[in-house]
Amino acid sequence: MYRQLQEELFKLQEKHFNMTKQELENIITEQQNLKNLPNNKLIEFMDKLSADFEITKQNIINTTIFLDKLEELYNNTLKEFQSRNK
């Protein structure tokens, strides 16, 4: 289970295509001018933000699962260690 989860995280990191810092800065700058932007620019921004949101959300979920599994593995190991030292 641990190895499978680790492999899934590595695959996810390889596929992680966040927008560039410059693209994000551009979207932030343009927030003051949204009313004057053409629809195609708004759609482009929404697509980038939506894709980044979904990737980030999935990363958080997968990392949380990974963290829970690490905690479980640690607790199992600690329990065994403590049982040997009584």
Protein backbone atom coordinates (compact mmCIF):
# COMPACT_ATOMS: atom_id res chain seq x y z
CA MET A 1 0.00 0.00 0.00
CA TYR A 2 2.77 2.45 0.95
CA ARG A 3 4.78 1.81 -2.21
CA GLN A 4 1.69 2.12 -4.40
CA LEU A 5 0.78 5.41 -2.76
CA GLN A 6 4.31 6.67 -3.18
CA GLU A 7 4.28 5.75 -6.88
CA GLU A 8 0.96 7.54 -7.34
CA LEU A 9 2.39 10.67 -5.75
CA PHE A 10 5.45 10.58 -8.00
CA LYS A 11 3.25 10.15 -11.07
CA LEU A 12 1.10 13.05 -9.94
CA GLN A 13 4.14 15.26 -9.47
CA GLU A 14 5.33 14.40 -12.99
CA LYS A 15 1.96 15.43 -14.40
CA HIS A 16 1.76 18.60 -12.32
CA PHE A 17 1.46 21.39 -14.87
CA ASN A 18 0.78 24.51 -12.86
CA MET A 19 0.59 27.79 -14.63
CA THR A 20 3.79 29.77 -14.62
CA LYS A 21 4.47 32.49 -12.09
CA GLN A 22 4.18 35.06 -14.86
CA GLU A 23 0.78 33.72 -15.97
CA LEU A 24 -0.51 33.93 -12.39
CA GLU A 25 0.91 37.43 -11.94
CA ASN A 26 -0.81 38.45 -15.19
CA ILE A 27 -4.16 37.11 -13.97
CA ILE A 28 -3.73 38.94 -10.65
CA THR A 29 -2.83 42.19 -12.42
CA GLU A 30 -5.79 41.89 -14.79
CA GLN A 31 -8.24 41.45 -11.90
CA GLN A 32 -8.50 45.24 -11.69
CA ASN A 33 -9.48 45.35 -15.35
CA LEU A 34 -11.86 42.39 -15.68
CA LYS A 35 -14.78 44.46 -16.93
CA ASN A 36 -12.78 45.63 -19.93
CA LEU A 37 -11.32 42.26 -20.96
CA PRO A 38 -12.75 40.33 -23.91
CA ASN A 39 -14.60 37.09 -23.22
CA ASN A 40 -11.86 34.95 -24.76
CA LYS A 41 -9.37 36.37 -22.22
CA LEU A 42 -11.79 35.68 -19.36
CA ILE A 43 -12.27 32.11 -20.60
CA GLU A 44 -8.50 31.66 -20.83
CA PHE A 45 -8.10 32.87 -17.23
CA MET A 46 -10.93 30.65 -15.99
CA ASP A 47 -9.44 27.61 -17.75
CA LYS A 48 -6.01 28.17 -16.23
CA LEU A 49 -7.38 28.87 -12.75
CA SER A 50 -9.76 25.93 -12.87
CA ALA A 51 -7.06 23.52 -14.02
CA ASP A 52 -4.66 24.75 -11.37
CA PHE A 53 -7.36 24.50 -8.71
CA GLU A 54 -8.16 20.88 -9.62
CA ILE A 55 -4.50 19.86 -9.68
CA THR A 56 -3.85 21.55 -6.34
CA LYS A 57 -6.96 20.01 -4.78
CA GLN A 58 -5.96 16.54 -5.96
CA ASN A 59 -2.43 17.06 -4.66
CA ILE A 60 -3.79 18.01 -1.23
CA ILE A 61 -6.05 14.96 -1.14
CA ASN A 62 -3.25 12.60 -2.23
CA THR A 63 -0.77 14.16 0.17
CA THR A 64 -3.26 13.83 3.02
CA ILE A 65 -3.75 10.14 2.23
CA PHE A 66 0.02 9.71 2.05
CA LEU A 67 0.49 11.50 5.38
CA ASP A 68 -2.17 9.34 7.04
CA LYS A 69 -0.45 6.20 5.76
CA LEU A 70 2.93 7.42 7.01
CA GLU A 71 1.42 8.06 10.43
CA GLU A 72 -0.11 4.59 10.47
CA LEU A 73 3.22 3.00 9.50
CA TYR A 74 5.07 5.00 12.15
CA ASN A 75 2.55 4.10 14.85
CA ASN A 76 2.77 0.40 13.95
CA THR A 77 6.55 0.55 14.08
CA LEU A 78 6.53 2.45 17.37
CA LYS A 79 4.09 -0.02 18.89
CA GLU A 80 6.35 -2.93 17.96
CA PHE A 81 9.41 -1.12 19.28
CA GLN A 82 7.69 -0.35 22.58
CA SER A 83 6.51 -3.94 22.97
CA ARG A 84 10.10 -5.13 22.66
CA ASN A 85 11.37 -2.72 25.29
CA LYS A 86 9.00 -3.55 28.13
